[in-house]
């Protein structure tokens, strides 16, 4: 299926790319479509406040992470994986104690 964007739609996506939010028009469009799906799904579960809260917290964390990346505040992959493994292990250990 092919979709033709009107000039306004193209300008919006181009602006997102020019601002450095996305590396390409295709990536920007994919992100917007995924956000649309996400919002549609959220509307189905609005009666679940814990899920809605989790989604908002996750969005905020992603926003903070993007700002950190823009400032060059990054960690080597090995360090990140090591931290995640330790976090998972602590969670497993706390479940065993219950």
N, C-alpha and C. Protein backbone atom coordinates (compact mmCIF):
# COMPACT_ATOMS: atom_id res chain seq x y z
N UNK A 1 0.84 -1.17 0.00
CA UNK A 1 0.00 0.00 0.00
C UNK A 1 0.88 1.23 0.00
N UNK A 2 0.57 2.17 -0.81
CA UNK A 2 1.31 3.43 -0.86
C UNK A 2 0.44 4.55 -0.32
N UNK A 3 1.07 5.42 0.43
CA UNK A 3 0.38 6.57 1.00
C UNK A 3 1.14 7.81 0.56
N UNK A 4 0.41 8.80 0.13
CA UNK A 4 1.02 10.06 -0.27
C UNK A 4 0.73 11.10 0.81
N UNK A 5 1.80 11.68 1.32
CA UNK A 5 1.65 12.70 2.35
C UNK A 5 1.40 14.06 1.70
N UNK A 6 0.57 14.86 2.34
CA UNK A 6 0.37 16.21 1.82
C UNK A 6 1.56 17.08 2.26
N UNK A 7 1.71 18.26 1.73
CA UNK A 7 2.86 19.11 2.06
C UNK A 7 3.01 19.42 3.56
N UNK A 8 1.91 19.59 4.23
CA UNK A 8 1.97 19.88 5.67
C UNK A 8 2.52 18.68 6.44
N UNK A 9 2.05 17.50 6.11
CA UNK A 9 2.53 16.29 6.77
C UNK A 9 4.02 16.09 6.51
N UNK A 10 4.43 16.30 5.27
CA UNK A 10 5.83 16.17 4.91
C UNK A 10 6.68 17.20 5.67
N UNK A 11 6.18 18.41 5.78
CA UNK A 11 6.91 19.47 6.49
C UNK A 11 7.07 19.13 7.97
N UNK A 12 6.05 18.57 8.56
CA UNK A 12 6.13 18.19 9.99
C UNK A 12 7.20 17.13 10.18
N UNK A 13 7.16 16.10 9.36
CA UNK A 13 8.15 15.03 9.48
C UNK A 13 9.55 15.55 9.18
N UNK A 14 9.67 16.39 8.18
CA UNK A 14 10.98 16.97 7.84
C UNK A 14 11.54 17.80 8.98
N UNK A 15 10.67 18.55 9.64
CA UNK A 15 11.10 19.35 10.79
C UNK A 15 11.63 18.46 11.91
N UNK A 16 10.95 17.35 12.16
CA UNK A 16 11.42 16.42 13.20
C UNK A 16 12.81 15.88 12.86
N UNK A 17 13.03 15.60 11.58
CA UNK A 17 14.34 15.10 11.15
C UNK A 17 15.39 16.20 11.26
N UNK A 18 15.04 17.40 10.81
CA UNK A 18 15.98 18.53 10.85
C UNK A 18 16.37 18.90 12.27
N UNK A 19 15.45 18.71 13.21
CA UNK A 19 15.73 19.01 14.62
C UNK A 19 16.57 17.92 15.27
N UNK A 20 16.82 16.85 14.52
CA UNK A 20 17.65 15.76 15.03
C UNK A 20 16.89 14.75 15.87
N UNK A 21 15.57 14.84 15.88
CA UNK A 21 14.80 13.89 16.67
C UNK A 21 14.77 12.51 16.03
N UNK A 22 14.93 12.47 14.70
CA UNK A 22 14.92 11.21 13.96
C UNK A 22 15.95 11.31 12.84
N UNK A 23 16.57 10.18 12.48
CA UNK A 23 17.59 10.21 11.44
C UNK A 23 17.05 10.29 10.01
N UNK A 24 15.78 9.94 9.83
CA UNK A 24 15.22 9.94 8.47
C UNK A 24 13.71 10.16 8.52
N UNK A 25 13.14 10.51 7.37
CA UNK A 25 11.69 10.66 7.29
C UNK A 25 10.99 9.36 7.61
N UNK A 26 11.53 8.26 7.11
CA UNK A 26 10.91 6.95 7.36
C UNK A 26 10.89 6.62 8.85
N UNK A 27 11.98 6.90 9.53
CA UNK A 27 12.05 6.64 10.97
C UNK A 27 11.06 7.52 11.72
N UNK A 28 10.97 8.78 11.31
CA UNK A 28 10.01 9.70 11.95
C UNK A 28 8.59 9.21 11.75
N UNK A 29 8.26 8.81 10.55
CA UNK A 29 6.92 8.32 10.26
C UNK A 29 6.62 7.05 11.05
N UNK A 30 7.59 6.15 11.12
CA UNK A 30 7.40 4.92 11.91
C UNK A 30 7.14 5.25 13.38
N UNK A 31 7.90 6.20 13.91
CA UNK A 31 7.72 6.58 15.32
C UNK A 31 6.34 7.17 15.56
N UNK A 32 5.90 8.02 14.65
CA UNK A 32 4.58 8.63 14.79
C UNK A 32 3.48 7.57 14.72
N UNK A 33 3.63 6.63 13.81
CA UNK A 33 2.63 5.56 13.70
C UNK A 33 2.62 4.68 14.95
N UNK A 34 3.80 4.37 15.47
CA UNK A 34 3.86 3.57 16.70
C UNK A 34 3.23 4.32 17.87
N UNK A 35 3.45 5.62 17.92
CA UNK A 35 2.84 6.42 18.98
C UNK A 35 1.32 6.41 18.84
N UNK A 36 0.83 6.46 17.61
CA UNK A 36 -0.61 6.40 17.38
C UNK A 36 -1.18 5.08 17.88
N UNK A 37 -0.50 3.99 17.57
CA UNK A 37 -0.94 2.67 18.05
C UNK A 37 -0.91 2.63 19.57
N UNK A 38 0.17 3.18 20.14
CA UNK A 38 0.30 3.22 21.59
C UNK A 38 -0.84 3.99 22.22
N UNK A 39 -1.16 5.15 21.68
CA UNK A 39 -2.24 5.97 22.22
C UNK A 39 -3.59 5.27 22.08
N UNK A 40 -3.79 4.58 20.97
CA UNK A 40 -5.05 3.84 20.78
C UNK A 40 -5.16 2.74 21.82
N UNK A 41 -4.04 2.08 22.07
CA UNK A 41 -4.04 1.00 23.07
C UNK A 41 -4.29 1.56 24.46
N UNK A 42 -3.68 2.70 24.75
CA UNK A 42 -3.85 3.31 26.07
C UNK A 42 -5.32 3.67 26.30
N UNK A 43 -5.97 4.15 25.26
CA UNK A 43 -7.37 4.52 25.44
C UNK A 43 -8.23 3.31 25.80
N UNK A 44 -7.78 2.11 25.40
CA UNK A 44 -8.51 0.90 25.74
C UNK A 44 -8.33 0.52 27.21
N UNK A 45 -7.24 0.96 27.81
CA UNK A 45 -6.95 0.55 29.18
C UNK A 45 -6.96 1.72 30.17
N UNK A 46 -7.65 2.79 29.82
CA UNK A 46 -7.69 3.95 30.71
C UNK A 46 -8.25 3.62 32.08
N UNK A 47 -9.01 2.55 32.17
CA UNK A 47 -9.56 2.17 33.47
C UNK A 47 -8.52 1.45 34.33
N UNK A 48 -7.31 1.31 33.82
CA UNK A 48 -6.23 0.68 34.58
C UNK A 48 -5.19 1.74 34.91
N UNK A 49 -5.35 2.42 36.04
CA UNK A 49 -4.44 3.53 36.37
C UNK A 49 -2.98 3.11 36.51
N UNK A 50 -2.73 1.90 36.98
CA UNK A 50 -1.33 1.50 37.15
C UNK A 50 -0.63 1.37 35.81
N UNK A 51 -1.35 0.87 34.80
CA UNK A 51 -0.75 0.77 33.47
C UNK A 51 -0.52 2.15 32.88
N UNK A 52 -1.50 3.02 33.01
CA UNK A 52 -1.38 4.37 32.48
C UNK A 52 -0.21 5.09 33.16
N UNK A 53 -0.07 4.91 34.46
CA UNK A 53 1.03 5.50 35.21
C UNK A 53 2.37 4.96 34.71
N UNK A 54 2.43 3.65 34.48
CA UNK A 54 3.66 3.03 34.00
C UNK A 54 4.03 3.60 32.63
N UNK A 55 3.07 3.75 31.74
CA UNK A 55 3.33 4.29 30.41
C UNK A 55 3.90 5.71 30.53
N UNK A 56 3.30 6.52 31.36
CA UNK A 56 3.77 7.91 31.51
C UNK A 56 5.18 7.94 32.09
N UNK A 57 5.45 7.12 33.09
CA UNK A 57 6.79 7.07 33.67
C UNK A 57 7.82 6.63 32.62
N UNK A 58 7.44 5.65 31.82
CA UNK A 58 8.34 5.17 30.77
C UNK A 58 8.61 6.25 29.75
N UNK A 59 7.58 6.98 29.36
CA UNK A 59 7.77 8.08 28.41
C UNK A 59 8.72 9.13 28.99
N UNK A 60 8.56 9.45 30.25
CA UNK A 60 9.43 10.44 30.89
C UNK A 60 10.87 9.94 30.92
N UNK A 61 11.04 8.65 31.21
CA UNK A 61 12.39 8.09 31.25
C UNK A 61 13.04 8.12 29.87
N UNK A 62 12.26 7.84 28.84
CA UNK A 62 12.78 7.89 27.47
C UNK A 62 13.18 9.32 27.12
N UNK A 63 12.36 10.29 27.53
CA UNK A 63 12.67 11.70 27.27
C UNK A 63 13.98 12.08 27.95
N UNK A 64 14.14 11.69 29.20
CA UNK A 64 15.38 11.99 29.93
C UNK A 64 16.56 11.31 29.24
N UNK A 65 16.38 10.07 28.82
CA UNK A 65 17.46 9.35 28.16
C UNK A 65 17.88 10.03 26.86
N UNK A 66 16.90 10.49 26.10
CA UNK A 66 17.23 11.20 24.85
C UNK A 66 18.01 12.48 25.13
N UNK A 67 17.64 13.19 26.19
CA UNK A 67 18.38 14.41 26.55
C UNK A 67 19.80 14.07 26.96
N UNK A 68 19.97 12.98 27.72
CA UNK A 68 21.30 12.57 28.14
C UNK A 68 22.16 12.18 26.95
N UNK A 69 21.57 11.46 26.01
CA UNK A 69 22.31 11.07 24.81
C UNK A 69 22.74 12.31 24.03
N UNK A 70 21.84 13.28 23.92
CA UNK A 70 22.16 14.51 23.19
C UNK A 70 23.33 15.25 23.84
N UNK A 71 23.45 15.13 25.16
CA UNK A 71 24.56 15.78 25.87
C UNK A 71 25.82 14.91 25.88
N UNK A 72 25.72 13.71 25.30
CA UNK A 72 26.88 12.82 25.26
C UNK A 72 27.04 11.99 26.52
N UNK A 73 26.03 11.97 27.36
CA UNK A 73 26.07 11.19 28.60
C UNK A 73 25.64 9.76 28.30
N UNK A 74 26.59 8.95 27.84
CA UNK A 74 26.29 7.57 27.49
C UNK A 74 27.21 6.64 28.26
N UNK A 75 26.78 5.38 28.38
CA UNK A 75 27.57 4.36 29.04
C UNK A 75 27.90 3.27 28.03
N UNK A 76 29.05 2.64 28.20
CA UNK A 76 29.36 1.50 27.33
C UNK A 76 28.33 0.38 27.54
N UNK A 77 28.03 -0.34 26.47
CA UNK A 77 27.03 -1.40 26.51
C UNK A 77 27.32 -2.42 27.60
N UNK A 78 28.59 -2.80 27.77
CA UNK A 78 28.94 -3.79 28.79
C UNK A 78 28.53 -3.35 30.19
N UNK A 79 28.70 -2.05 30.48
CA UNK A 79 28.31 -1.53 31.79
C UNK A 79 26.80 -1.59 31.98
N UNK A 80 26.07 -1.20 30.94
CA UNK A 80 24.61 -1.21 31.01
C UNK A 80 24.11 -2.63 31.22
N UNK A 81 24.63 -3.58 30.46
CA UNK A 81 24.19 -4.97 30.59
C UNK A 81 24.54 -5.52 31.97
N UNK A 82 25.70 -5.16 32.48
CA UNK A 82 26.10 -5.60 33.81
C UNK A 82 25.14 -5.08 34.88
N UNK A 83 24.76 -3.80 34.76
CA UNK A 83 23.82 -3.21 35.71
C UNK A 83 22.45 -3.89 35.62
N UNK A 84 22.01 -4.16 34.39
CA UNK A 84 20.71 -4.82 34.22
C UNK A 84 20.74 -6.24 34.80
N UNK A 85 21.81 -6.96 34.55
CA UNK A 85 21.92 -8.32 35.10
C UNK A 85 21.88 -8.29 36.63
N UNK A 86 22.58 -7.34 37.23
CA UNK A 86 22.59 -7.22 38.68
C UNK A 86 21.19 -6.89 39.20
N UNK A 87 20.49 -6.02 38.50
CA UNK A 87 19.13 -5.65 38.89
C UNK A 87 18.19 -6.85 38.82
N UNK A 88 18.31 -7.63 37.76
CA UNK A 88 17.49 -8.84 37.62
C UNK A 88 17.82 -9.82 38.73
N UNK A 89 19.10 -9.98 39.03
CA UNK A 89 19.49 -10.91 40.08
C UNK A 89 18.94 -10.47 41.44
N UNK A 90 18.99 -9.17 41.72
CA UNK A 90 18.44 -8.69 42.98
C UNK A 90 16.94 -8.95 43.05
N UNK A 91 16.25 -8.77 41.94
CA UNK A 91 14.81 -9.04 41.90
C UNK A 91 14.54 -10.52 42.15
N UNK A 92 15.32 -11.38 41.52
CA UNK A 92 15.16 -12.84 41.73
C UNK A 92 15.41 -13.19 43.19
N UNK A 93 16.47 -12.61 43.76
CA UNK A 93 16.81 -12.89 45.16
C UNK A 93 15.70 -12.44 46.09
N UNK A 94 15.10 -11.28 45.83
CA UNK A 94 14.03 -10.79 46.71
C UNK A 94 12.79 -11.66 46.58
N UNK A 95 12.55 -12.24 45.40
CA UNK A 95 11.41 -13.15 45.23
C UNK A 95 11.62 -14.44 45.99
N UNK A 96 12.86 -14.93 46.03
CA UNK A 96 13.19 -16.16 46.75
C UNK A 96 12.99 -16.00 48.24
N UNK A 97 13.20 -14.78 48.74
CA UNK A 97 13.08 -14.54 50.17
C UNK A 97 11.64 -14.47 50.62
N UNK A 98 10.72 -14.33 49.70
CA UNK A 98 9.30 -14.20 50.05
C UNK A 98 8.70 -15.51 50.36
